[in-house]
Amino acid sequence: STTIIVLFVGIIVINVFFPFKVLYRQLFKKNDFHIEISEPVIVA
C-alpha cells in the first residue's frame, strides 16, 4: 500500500514538472499542432 501511494504521488509530481502530454508529443507527435493567427490590430 505504501509503495503504491509513493508511486502514485511520484507520478503526480513528475507530471507537474514534466507533463506526460509534452513527453508524448516529443516522442511520438512532433509538429502535430496548428497555428491560429488572429485578426490584425492597428498599432499606429
ModelCIF file with pLDDT and N, C-alpha, C, O atoms, coordinates in Angstrom:
data_MODEL
#
_entry.id   MODEL 
#
_entity.id                         1 
_entity.type                       polymer 
_entity.pdbx_number_of_molecules   1 
#
_entity_poly.entity_id                      1 
_entity_poly.type                           'polypeptide(L)' 
_entity_poly.nstd_linkage                   no 
_entity_poly.nstd_monomer                   no 
_entity_poly.pdbx_seq_one_letter_code       STTIIVLFVGIIVINVFFPFKVLYRQLFKKNDFHIEISEPVIVA 
_entity_poly.pdbx_seq_one_letter_code_can   STTIIVLFVGIIVINVFFPFKVLYRQLFKKNDFHIEISEPVIVA 
_entity_poly.pdbx_strand_id                 A 
#
loop_
_entity_poly_seq.entity_id 
_entity_poly_seq.num 
_entity_poly_seq.mon_id 
_entity_poly_seq.hetero 
1 1  SER n 
1 2  THR n 
1 3  THR n 
1 4  ILE n 
1 5  ILE n 
1 6  VAL n 
1 7  LEU n 
1 8  PHE n 
1 9  VAL n 
1 10 GLY n 
1 11 ILE n 
1 12 ILE n 
1 13 VAL n 
1 14 ILE n 
1 15 ASN n 
1 16 VAL n 
1 17 PHE n 
1 18 PHE n 
1 19 PRO n 
1 20 PHE n 
1 21 LYS n 
1 22 VAL n 
1 23 LEU n 
1 24 TYR n 
1 25 ARG n 
1 26 GLN n 
1 27 LEU n 
1 28 PHE n 
1 29 LYS n 
1 30 LYS n 
1 31 ASN n 
1 32 ASP n 
1 33 PHE n 
1 34 HIS n 
1 35 ILE n 
1 36 GLU n 
1 37 ILE n 
1 38 SER n 
1 39 GLU n 
1 40 PRO n 
1 41 VAL n 
1 42 ILE n 
1 43 VAL n 
1 44 ALA n 
#
_struct_asym.id          A 
_struct_asym.entity_id   1 
#
loop_
_ma_qa_metric.id 
_ma_qa_metric.mode 
_ma_qa_metric.name 
_ma_qa_metric.software_group_id 
_ma_qa_metric.type 
1 global pLDDT . pLDDT 
2 local  pLDDT . pLDDT 
#
_ma_qa_metric_global.metric_id      1 
_ma_qa_metric_global.metric_value   72.05 
_ma_qa_metric_global.model_id       1 
_ma_qa_metric_global.ordinal_id     1 
#
loop_
_ma_qa_metric_local.label_asym_id 
_ma_qa_metric_local.label_comp_id 
_ma_qa_metric_local.label_seq_id 
_ma_qa_metric_local.metric_id 
_ma_qa_metric_local.metric_value 
_ma_qa_metric_local.model_id 
_ma_qa_metric_local.ordinal_id 
A SER 1  2 68.00 1 1  
A THR 2  2 70.00 1 2  
A THR 3  2 71.00 1 3  
A ILE 4  2 72.00 1 4  
A ILE 5  2 71.00 1 5  
A VAL 6  2 66.00 1 6  
A LEU 7  2 75.00 1 7  
A PHE 8  2 68.00 1 8  
A VAL 9  2 65.00 1 9  
A GLY 10 2 67.00 1 10 
A ILE 11 2 67.00 1 11 
A ILE 12 2 69.00 1 12 
A VAL 13 2 62.00 1 13 
A ILE 14 2 64.00 1 14 
A ASN 15 2 61.00 1 15 
A VAL 16 2 56.00 1 16 
A PHE 17 2 56.00 1 17 
A PHE 18 2 54.00 1 18 
A PRO 19 2 60.00 1 19 
A PHE 20 2 60.00 1 20 
A LYS 21 2 57.00 1 21 
A VAL 22 2 56.00 1 22 
A LEU 23 2 59.00 1 23 
A TYR 24 2 56.00 1 24 
A ARG 25 2 53.00 1 25 
A GLN 26 2 55.00 1 26 
A LEU 27 2 57.00 1 27 
A PHE 28 2 54.00 1 28 
A LYS 29 2 55.00 1 29 
A LYS 30 2 65.00 1 30 
A ASN 31 2 70.00 1 31 
A ASP 32 2 82.00 1 32 
A PHE 33 2 90.00 1 33 
A HIS 34 2 90.00 1 34 
A ILE 35 2 94.00 1 35 
A GLU 36 2 96.00 1 36 
A ILE 37 2 97.00 1 37 
A SER 38 2 97.00 1 38 
A GLU 39 2 97.00 1 39 
A PRO 40 2 98.00 1 40 
A VAL 41 2 98.00 1 41 
A ILE 42 2 98.00 1 42 
A VAL 43 2 98.00 1 43 
A ALA 44 2 96.00 1 44 
#
loop_
_atom_site.group_PDB 
_atom_site.id 
_atom_site.type_symbol 
_atom_site.label_atom_id 
_atom_site.label_alt_id 
_atom_site.label_comp_id 
_atom_site.label_asym_id 
_atom_site.label_entity_id 
_atom_site.label_seq_id 
_atom_site.pdbx_PDB_ins_code 
_atom_site.Cartn_x 
_atom_site.Cartn_y 
_atom_site.Cartn_z 
_atom_site.occupancy 
_atom_site.B_iso_or_equiv 
_atom_site.pdbx_formal_charge 
_atom_site.auth_seq_id 
_atom_site.auth_comp_id 
_atom_site.auth_asym_id 
_atom_site.auth_atom_id 
_atom_site.pdbx_PDB_model_num 
ATOM 1   N N  . SER A 1 1  ? 0.838  -1.208 0.000   1.00 68.00 ? 1  SER A N  1 
ATOM 2   C CA . SER A 1 1  ? 0.000  0.000  0.000   1.00 68.00 ? 1  SER A CA 1 
ATOM 3   C C  . SER A 1 1  ? 0.868  1.253  0.000   1.00 68.00 ? 1  SER A C  1 
ATOM 4   O O  . SER A 1 1  ? 0.601  2.211  -0.724  1.00 68.00 ? 1  SER A O  1 
ATOM 5   N N  . THR A 1 2  ? 1.920  1.226  0.832   1.00 70.00 ? 2  THR A N  1 
ATOM 6   C CA . THR A 1 2  ? 2.831  2.375  0.899   1.00 70.00 ? 2  THR A CA 1 
ATOM 7   C C  . THR A 1 2  ? 3.534  2.584  -0.437  1.00 70.00 ? 2  THR A C  1 
ATOM 8   O O  . THR A 1 2  ? 3.682  3.711  -0.907  1.00 70.00 ? 2  THR A O  1 
ATOM 9   N N  . THR A 1 3  ? 3.969  1.460  -1.048  1.00 71.00 ? 3  THR A N  1 
ATOM 10  C CA . THR A 1 3  ? 4.657  1.545  -2.349  1.00 71.00 ? 3  THR A CA 1 
ATOM 11  C C  . THR A 1 3  ? 3.759  2.156  -3.419  1.00 71.00 ? 3  THR A C  1 
ATOM 12  O O  . THR A 1 3  ? 4.183  3.013  -4.194  1.00 71.00 ? 3  THR A O  1 
ATOM 13  N N  . ILE A 1 4  ? 2.497  1.692  -3.442  1.00 72.00 ? 4  ILE A N  1 
ATOM 14  C CA . ILE A 1 4  ? 1.548  2.203  -4.431  1.00 72.00 ? 4  ILE A CA 1 
ATOM 15  C C  . ILE A 1 4  ? 1.296  3.687  -4.224  1.00 72.00 ? 4  ILE A C  1 
ATOM 16  O O  . ILE A 1 4  ? 1.244  4.459  -5.182  1.00 72.00 ? 4  ILE A O  1 
ATOM 17  N N  . ILE A 1 5  ? 1.139  4.082  -2.952  1.00 71.00 ? 5  ILE A N  1 
ATOM 18  C CA . ILE A 1 5  ? 0.906  5.503  -2.650  1.00 71.00 ? 5  ILE A CA 1 
ATOM 19  C C  . ILE A 1 5  ? 2.099  6.339  -3.081  1.00 71.00 ? 5  ILE A C  1 
ATOM 20  O O  . ILE A 1 5  ? 1.929  7.400  -3.683  1.00 71.00 ? 5  ILE A O  1 
ATOM 21  N N  . VAL A 1 6  ? 3.327  5.865  -2.774  1.00 66.00 ? 6  VAL A N  1 
ATOM 22  C CA . VAL A 1 6  ? 4.553  6.589  -3.155  1.00 66.00 ? 6  VAL A CA 1 
ATOM 23  C C  . VAL A 1 6  ? 4.659  6.722  -4.669  1.00 66.00 ? 6  VAL A C  1 
ATOM 24  O O  . VAL A 1 6  ? 4.991  7.789  -5.185  1.00 66.00 ? 6  VAL A O  1 
ATOM 25  N N  . LEU A 1 7  ? 4.369  5.612  -5.387  1.00 75.00 ? 7  LEU A N  1 
ATOM 26  C CA . LEU A 1 7  ? 4.412  5.654  -6.849  1.00 75.00 ? 7  LEU A CA 1 
ATOM 27  C C  . LEU A 1 7  ? 3.382  6.626  -7.403  1.00 75.00 ? 7  LEU A C  1 
ATOM 28  O O  . LEU A 1 7  ? 3.665  7.395  -8.321  1.00 75.00 ? 7  LEU A O  1 
ATOM 29  N N  . PHE A 1 8  ? 2.189  6.581  -6.834  1.00 68.00 ? 8  PHE A N  1 
ATOM 30  C CA . PHE A 1 8  ? 1.114  7.468  -7.293  1.00 68.00 ? 8  PHE A CA 1 
ATOM 31  C C  . PHE A 1 8  ? 1.494  8.931  -7.079  1.00 68.00 ? 8  PHE A C  1 
ATOM 32  O O  . PHE A 1 8  ? 1.324  9.755  -7.977  1.00 68.00 ? 8  PHE A O  1 
ATOM 33  N N  . VAL A 1 9  ? 2.008  9.254  -5.893  1.00 65.00 ? 9  VAL A N  1 
ATOM 34  C CA . VAL A 1 9  ? 2.446  10.630 -5.606  1.00 65.00 ? 9  VAL A CA 1 
ATOM 35  C C  . VAL A 1 9  ? 3.600  11.015 -6.515  1.00 65.00 ? 9  VAL A C  1 
ATOM 36  O O  . VAL A 1 9  ? 3.667  12.141 -7.007  1.00 65.00 ? 9  VAL A O  1 
ATOM 37  N N  . GLY A 1 10 ? 4.521  10.059 -6.736  1.00 67.00 ? 10 GLY A N  1 
ATOM 38  C CA . GLY A 1 10 ? 5.659  10.338 -7.623  1.00 67.00 ? 10 GLY A CA 1 
ATOM 39  C C  . GLY A 1 10 ? 5.224  10.663 -9.035  1.00 67.00 ? 10 GLY A C  1 
ATOM 40  O O  . GLY A 1 10 ? 5.765  11.569 -9.669  1.00 67.00 ? 10 GLY A O  1 
ATOM 41  N N  . ILE A 1 11 ? 4.230  9.910  -9.535  1.00 67.00 ? 11 ILE A N  1 
ATOM 42  C CA . ILE A 1 11 ? 3.706  10.161 -10.887 1.00 67.00 ? 11 ILE A CA 1 
ATOM 43  C C  . ILE A 1 11 ? 3.087  11.549 -10.970 1.00 67.00 ? 11 ILE A C  1 
ATOM 44  O O  . ILE A 1 11 ? 3.283  12.262 -11.954 1.00 67.00 ? 11 ILE A O  1 
ATOM 45  N N  . ILE A 1 12 ? 2.339  11.932 -9.936  1.00 69.00 ? 12 ILE A N  1 
ATOM 46  C CA . ILE A 1 12 ? 1.726  13.262 -9.928  1.00 69.00 ? 12 ILE A CA 1 
ATOM 47  C C  . ILE A 1 12 ? 2.793  14.352 -9.933  1.00 69.00 ? 12 ILE A C  1 
ATOM 48  O O  . ILE A 1 12 ? 2.687  15.333 -10.668 1.00 69.00 ? 12 ILE A O  1 
ATOM 49  N N  . VAL A 1 13 ? 3.823  14.172 -9.105  1.00 62.00 ? 13 VAL A N  1 
ATOM 50  C CA . VAL A 1 13 ? 4.904  15.170 -9.017  1.00 62.00 ? 13 VAL A CA 1 
ATOM 51  C C  . VAL A 1 13 ? 5.630  15.291 -10.349 1.00 62.00 ? 13 VAL A C  1 
ATOM 52  O O  . VAL A 1 13 ? 5.893  16.397 -10.822 1.00 62.00 ? 13 VAL A O  1 
ATOM 53  N N  . ILE A 1 14 ? 5.957  14.131 -10.960 1.00 64.00 ? 14 ILE A N  1 
ATOM 54  C CA . ILE A 1 14 ? 6.657  14.145 -12.257 1.00 64.00 ? 14 ILE A CA 1 
ATOM 55  C C  . ILE A 1 14 ? 5.807  14.836 -13.308 1.00 64.00 ? 14 ILE A C  1 
ATOM 56  O O  . ILE A 1 14 ? 6.319  15.615 -14.113 1.00 64.00 ? 14 ILE A O  1 
ATOM 57  N N  . ASN A 1 15 ? 4.507  14.554 -13.305 1.00 61.00 ? 15 ASN A N  1 
ATOM 58  C CA . ASN A 1 15 ? 3.614  15.151 -14.300 1.00 61.00 ? 15 ASN A CA 1 
ATOM 59  C C  . ASN A 1 15 ? 3.511  16.668 -14.145 1.00 61.00 ? 15 ASN A C  1 
ATOM 60  O O  . ASN A 1 15 ? 3.310  17.385 -15.125 1.00 61.00 ? 15 ASN A O  1 
ATOM 61  N N  . VAL A 1 16 ? 3.652  17.157 -12.897 1.00 56.00 ? 16 VAL A N  1 
ATOM 62  C CA . VAL A 1 16 ? 3.602  18.602 -12.666 1.00 56.00 ? 16 VAL A CA 1 
ATOM 63  C C  . VAL A 1 16 ? 4.789  19.285 -13.318 1.00 56.00 ? 16 VAL A C  1 
ATOM 64  O O  . VAL A 1 16 ? 4.645  20.317 -13.974 1.00 56.00 ? 16 VAL A O  1 
ATOM 65  N N  . PHE A 1 17 ? 5.980  18.692 -13.128 1.00 56.00 ? 17 PHE A N  1 
ATOM 66  C CA . PHE A 1 17 ? 7.194  19.328 -13.644 1.00 56.00 ? 17 PHE A CA 1 
ATOM 67  C C  . PHE A 1 17 ? 7.447  18.992 -15.110 1.00 56.00 ? 17 PHE A C  1 
ATOM 68  O O  . PHE A 1 17 ? 8.077  19.777 -15.818 1.00 56.00 ? 17 PHE A O  1 
ATOM 69  N N  . PHE A 1 18 ? 6.971  17.848 -15.575 1.00 54.00 ? 18 PHE A N  1 
ATOM 70  C CA . PHE A 1 18 ? 7.148  17.480 -16.974 1.00 54.00 ? 18 PHE A CA 1 
ATOM 71  C C  . PHE A 1 18 ? 5.911  16.714 -17.423 1.00 54.00 ? 18 PHE A C  1 
ATOM 72  O O  . PHE A 1 18 ? 5.876  15.486 -17.351 1.00 54.00 ? 18 PHE A O  1 
ATOM 73  N N  . PRO A 1 19 ? 4.896  17.440 -17.887 1.00 60.00 ? 19 PRO A N  1 
ATOM 74  C CA . PRO A 1 19 ? 3.612  16.807 -18.233 1.00 60.00 ? 19 PRO A CA 1 
ATOM 75  C C  . PRO A 1 19 ? 3.771  15.665 -19.225 1.00 60.00 ? 19 PRO A C  1 
ATOM 76  O O  . PRO A 1 19 ? 4.553  15.752 -20.172 1.00 60.00 ? 19 PRO A O  1 
ATOM 77  N N  . PHE A 1 20 ? 3.022  14.600 -18.998 1.00 60.00 ? 20 PHE A N  1 
ATOM 78  C CA . PHE A 1 20 ? 3.126  13.433 -19.866 1.00 60.00 ? 20 PHE A CA 1 
ATOM 79  C C  . PHE A 1 20 ? 2.708  13.740 -21.300 1.00 60.00 ? 20 PHE A C  1 
ATOM 80  O O  . PHE A 1 20 ? 3.223  13.144 -22.245 1.00 60.00 ? 20 PHE A O  1 
ATOM 81  N N  . LYS A 1 21 ? 1.771  14.673 -21.455 1.00 57.00 ? 21 LYS A N  1 
ATOM 82  C CA . LYS A 1 21 ? 1.350  15.010 -22.821 1.00 57.00 ? 21 LYS A CA 1 
ATOM 83  C C  . LYS A 1 21 ? 2.487  15.676 -23.590 1.00 57.00 ? 21 LYS A C  1 
ATOM 84  O O  . LYS A 1 21 ? 2.589  15.528 -24.808 1.00 57.00 ? 21 LYS A O  1 
ATOM 85  N N  . VAL A 1 22 ? 3.348  16.418 -22.869 1.00 56.00 ? 22 VAL A N  1 
ATOM 86  C CA . VAL A 1 22 ? 4.515  17.019 -23.519 1.00 56.00 ? 22 VAL A CA 1 
ATOM 87  C C  . VAL A 1 22 ? 5.495  15.931 -23.923 1.00 56.00 ? 22 VAL A C  1 
ATOM 88  O O  . VAL A 1 22 ? 6.037  15.956 -25.028 1.00 56.00 ? 22 VAL A O  1 
ATOM 89  N N  . LEU A 1 23 ? 5.726  14.956 -23.011 1.00 59.00 ? 23 LEU A N  1 
ATOM 90  C CA . LEU A 1 23 ? 6.613  13.836 -23.329 1.00 59.00 ? 23 LEU A CA 1 
ATOM 91  C C  . LEU A 1 23 ? 6.086  13.056 -24.520 1.00 59.00 ? 23 LEU A C  1 
ATOM 92  O O  . LEU A 1 23 ? 6.851  12.653 -25.396 1.00 59.00 ? 23 LEU A O  1 
ATOM 93  N N  . TYR A 1 24 ? 4.783  12.845 -24.550 1.00 56.00 ? 24 TYR A N  1 
ATOM 94  C CA . TYR A 1 24 ? 4.165  12.117 -25.663 1.00 56.00 ? 24 TYR A CA 1 
ATOM 95  C C  . TYR A 1 24 ? 4.385  12.862 -26.981 1.00 56.00 ? 24 TYR A C  1 
ATOM 96  O O  . TYR A 1 24 ? 4.725  12.263 -28.002 1.00 56.00 ? 24 TYR A O  1 
ATOM 97  N N  . ARG A 1 25 ? 4.181  14.188 -26.934 1.00 53.00 ? 25 ARG A N  1 
ATOM 98  C CA . ARG A 1 25 ? 4.380  14.989 -28.149 1.00 53.00 ? 25 ARG A CA 1 
ATOM 99  C C  . ARG A 1 25 ? 5.806  14.863 -28.654 1.00 53.00 ? 25 ARG A C  1 
ATOM 100 O O  . ARG A 1 25 ? 6.032  14.678 -29.850 1.00 53.00 ? 25 ARG A O  1 
ATOM 101 N N  . GLN A 1 26 ? 6.770  14.962 -27.742 1.00 55.00 ? 26 GLN A N  1 
ATOM 102 C CA . GLN A 1 26 ? 8.167  14.960 -28.147 1.00 55.00 ? 26 GLN A CA 1 
ATOM 103 C C  . GLN A 1 26 ? 8.598  13.593 -28.686 1.00 55.00 ? 26 GLN A C  1 
ATOM 104 O O  . GLN A 1 26 ? 9.442  13.510 -29.578 1.00 55.00 ? 26 GLN A O  1 
ATOM 105 N N  . LEU A 1 27 ? 8.009  12.515 -28.132 1.00 57.00 ? 27 LEU A N  1 
ATOM 106 C CA . LEU A 1 27 ? 8.415  11.180 -28.552 1.00 57.00 ? 27 LEU A CA 1 
ATOM 107 C C  . LEU A 1 27 ? 7.692  10.708 -29.811 1.00 57.00 ? 27 LEU A C  1 
ATOM 108 O O  . LEU A 1 27 ? 8.285  10.032 -30.651 1.00 57.00 ? 27 LEU A O  1 
ATOM 109 N N  . PHE A 1 28 ? 6.419  11.060 -29.942 1.00 54.00 ? 28 PHE A N  1 
ATOM 110 C CA . PHE A 1 28 ? 5.617  10.433 -30.994 1.00 54.00 ? 28 PHE A CA 1 
ATOM 111 C C  . PHE A 1 28 ? 4.905  11.399 -31.942 1.00 54.00 ? 28 PHE A C  1 
ATOM 112 O O  . PHE A 1 28 ? 4.516  10.996 -33.038 1.00 54.00 ? 28 PHE A O  1 
ATOM 113 N N  . LYS A 1 29 ? 4.726  12.648 -31.553 1.00 55.00 ? 29 LYS A N  1 
ATOM 114 C CA . LYS A 1 29 ? 3.846  13.519 -32.321 1.00 55.00 ? 29 LYS A CA 1 
ATOM 115 C C  . LYS A 1 29 ? 4.497  14.856 -32.640 1.00 55.00 ? 29 LYS A C  1 
ATOM 116 O O  . LYS A 1 29 ? 3.867  15.893 -32.431 1.00 55.00 ? 29 LYS A O  1 
ATOM 117 N N  . LYS A 1 30 ? 5.716  14.878 -33.131 1.00 65.00 ? 30 LYS A N  1 
ATOM 118 C CA . LYS A 1 30 ? 6.387  16.132 -33.441 1.00 65.00 ? 30 LYS A CA 1 
ATOM 119 C C  . LYS A 1 30 ? 5.583  16.937 -34.458 1.00 65.00 ? 30 LYS A C  1 
ATOM 120 O O  . LYS A 1 30 ? 5.118  16.416 -35.471 1.00 65.00 ? 30 LYS A O  1 
ATOM 121 N N  . ASN A 1 31 ? 5.439  18.219 -34.154 1.00 70.00 ? 31 ASN A N  1 
ATOM 122 C CA . ASN A 1 31 ? 4.783  19.159 -35.061 1.00 70.00 ? 31 ASN A CA 1 
ATOM 123 C C  . ASN A 1 31 ? 3.324  18.797 -35.352 1.00 70.00 ? 31 ASN A C  1 
ATOM 124 O O  . ASN A 1 31 ? 2.788  19.178 -36.392 1.00 70.00 ? 31 ASN A O  1 
ATOM 125 N N  . ASP A 1 32 ? 2.684  18.068 -34.445 1.00 82.00 ? 32 ASP A N  1 
ATOM 126 C CA . ASP A 1 32 ? 1.267  17.764 -34.616 1.00 82.00 ? 32 ASP A CA 1 
ATOM 127 C C  . ASP A 1 32 ? 0.428  18.849 -33.930 1.00 82.00 ? 32 ASP A C  1 
ATOM 128 O O  . ASP A 1 32 ? -0.268 18.595 -32.947 1.00 82.00 ? 32 ASP A O  1 
ATOM 129 N N  . PHE A 1 33 ? 0.516  20.039 -34.468 1.00 90.00 ? 33 PHE A N  1 
ATOM 130 C CA . PHE A 1 33 ? -0.229 21.179 -33.950 1.00 90.00 ? 33 PHE A CA 1 
ATOM 131 C C  . PHE A 1 33 ? -0.497 22.119 -35.110 1.00 90.00 ? 33 PHE A C  1 
ATOM 132 O O  . PHE A 1 33 ? 0.078  21.958 -36.187 1.00 90.00 ? 33 PHE A O  1 
ATOM 133 N N  . HIS A 1 34 ? -1.350 23.085 -34.905 1.00 90.00 ? 34 HIS A N  1 
ATOM 134 C CA . HIS A 1 34 ? -1.539 24.093 -35.934 1.00 90.00 ? 34 HIS A CA 1 
ATOM 135 C C  . HIS A 1 34 ? -1.482 25.483 -35.316 1.00 90.00 ? 34 HIS A C  1 
ATOM 136 O O  . HIS A 1 34 ? -1.667 25.658 -34.112 1.00 90.00 ? 34 HIS A O  1 
ATOM 137 N N  . ILE A 1 35 ? -1.225 26.458 -36.166 1.00 94.00 ? 35 ILE A N  1 
ATOM 138 C CA . ILE A 1 35 ? -1.090 27.844 -35.733 1.00 94.00 ? 35 ILE A CA 1 
ATOM 139 C C  . ILE A 1 35 ? -2.398 28.588 -35.997 1.00 94.00 ? 35 ILE A C  1 
ATOM 140 O O  . ILE A 1 35 ? -2.936 28.544 -37.103 1.00 94.00 ? 35 ILE A O  1 
ATOM 141 N N  . GLU A 1 36 ? -2.895 29.264 -34.981 1.00 96.00 ? 36 GLU A N  1 
ATOM 142 C CA . GLU A 1 36 ? -4.056 30.135 -35.153 1.00 96.00 ? 36 GLU A CA 1 
ATOM 143 C C  . GLU A 1 36 ? -3.561 31.580 -35.172 1.00 96.00 ? 36 GLU A C  1 
ATOM 144 O O  . GLU A 1 36 ? -2.866 32.017 -34.254 1.00 96.00 ? 36 GLU A O  1 
ATOM 145 N N  . ILE A 1 37 ? -3.920 32.312 -36.214 1.00 97.00 ? 37 ILE A N  1 
ATOM 146 C CA . ILE A 1 37 ? -3.474 33.694 -36.386 1.00 97.00 ? 37 ILE A CA 1 
ATOM 147 C C  . ILE A 1 37 ? -4.672 34.621 -36.241 1.00 97.00 ? 37 ILE A C  1 
ATOM 148 O O  . ILE A 1 37 ? -5.647 34.490 -36.981 1.00 97.00 ? 37 ILE A O  1 
ATOM 149 N N  . SER A 1 38 ? -4.613 35.540 -35.314 1.00 97.00 ? 38 SER A N  1 
ATOM 150 C CA . SER A 1 38 ? -5.743 36.424 -35.047 1.00 97.00 ? 38 SER A CA 1 
ATOM 151 C C  . SER A 1 38 ? -5.858 37.502 -36.124 1.00 97.00 ? 38 SER A C  1 
ATOM 152 O O  . SER A 1 38 ? -4.968 37.667 -36.958 1.00 97.00 ? 38 SER A O  1 
ATOM 153 N N  . GLU A 1 39 ? -6.959 38.221 -36.088 1.00 97.00 ? 39 GLU A N  1 
ATOM 154 C CA . GLU A 1 39 ? -7.126 39.380 -36.961 1.00 97.00 ? 39 GLU A CA 1 
ATOM 155 C C  . GLU A 1 39 ? -6.153 40.484 -36.524 1.00 97.00 ? 39 GLU A C  1 
ATOM 156 O O  . GLU A 1 39 ? -5.784 40.550 -35.351 1.00 97.00 ? 39 GLU A O  1 
ATOM 157 N N  . PRO A 1 40 ? -5.737 41.350 -37.456 1.00 98.00 ? 40 PRO A N  1 
ATOM 158 C CA . PRO A 1 40 ? -4.751 42.375 -37.101 1.00 98.00 ? 40 PRO A CA 1 
ATOM 159 C C  . PRO A 1 40 ? -5.325 43.478 -36.213 1.00 98.00 ? 40 PRO A C  1 
ATOM 160 O O  . PRO A 1 40 ? -6.508 43.810 -36.290 1.00 98.00 ? 40 PRO A O  1 
ATOM 161 N N  . VAL A 1 41 ? -4.472 44.026 -35.384 1.00 98.00 ? 41 VAL A N  1 
ATOM 162 C CA . VAL A 1 41 ? -4.792 45.188 -34.553 1.00 98.00 ? 41 VAL A CA 1 
ATOM 163 C C  . VAL A 1 41 ? -3.840 46.310 -34.944 1.00 98.00 ? 41 VAL A C  1 
ATOM 164 O O  . VAL A 1 41 ? -2.633 46.097 -35.052 1.00 98.00 ? 41 VAL A O  1 
ATOM 165 N N  . ILE A 1 42 ? -4.384 47.505 -35.156 1.00 98.00 ? 42 ILE A N  1 
ATOM 166 C CA . ILE A 1 42 ? -3.561 48.654 -35.555 1.00 98.00 ? 42 ILE A CA 1 
ATOM 167 C C  . ILE A 1 42 ? -2.791 49.189 -34.357 1.00 98.00 ? 42 ILE A C  1 
ATOM 168 O O  . ILE A 1 42 ? -3.374 49.492 -33.315 1.00 98.00 ? 42 ILE A O  1 
ATOM 169 N N  . VAL A 1 43 ? -1.481 49.300 -34.515 1.00 98.00 ? 43 VAL A N  1 
ATOM 170 C CA . VAL A 1 43 ? -0.656 49.979 -33.512 1.00 98.00 ? 43 VAL A CA 1 
ATOM 171 C C  . VAL A 1 43 ? -0.641 51.473 -33.804 1.00 98.00 ? 43 VAL A C  1 
ATOM 172 O O  . VAL A 1 43 ? -0.919 52.292 -32.928 1.00 98.00 ? 43 VAL A O  1 
ATOM 173 N N  . ALA A 1 44 ? -0.313 51.816 -35.049 1.00 96.00 ? 44 ALA A N  1 
ATOM 174 C CA . ALA A 1 44 ? -0.259 53.224 -35.457 1.00 96.00 ? 44 ALA A CA 1 
ATOM 175 C C  . ALA A 1 44 ? -0.243 53.307 -36.973 1.00 96.00 ? 44 ALA A C  1 
ATOM 176 O O  . ALA A 1 44 ? -0.198 54.404 -37.531 1.00 96.00 ? 44 ALA A O  1 
#
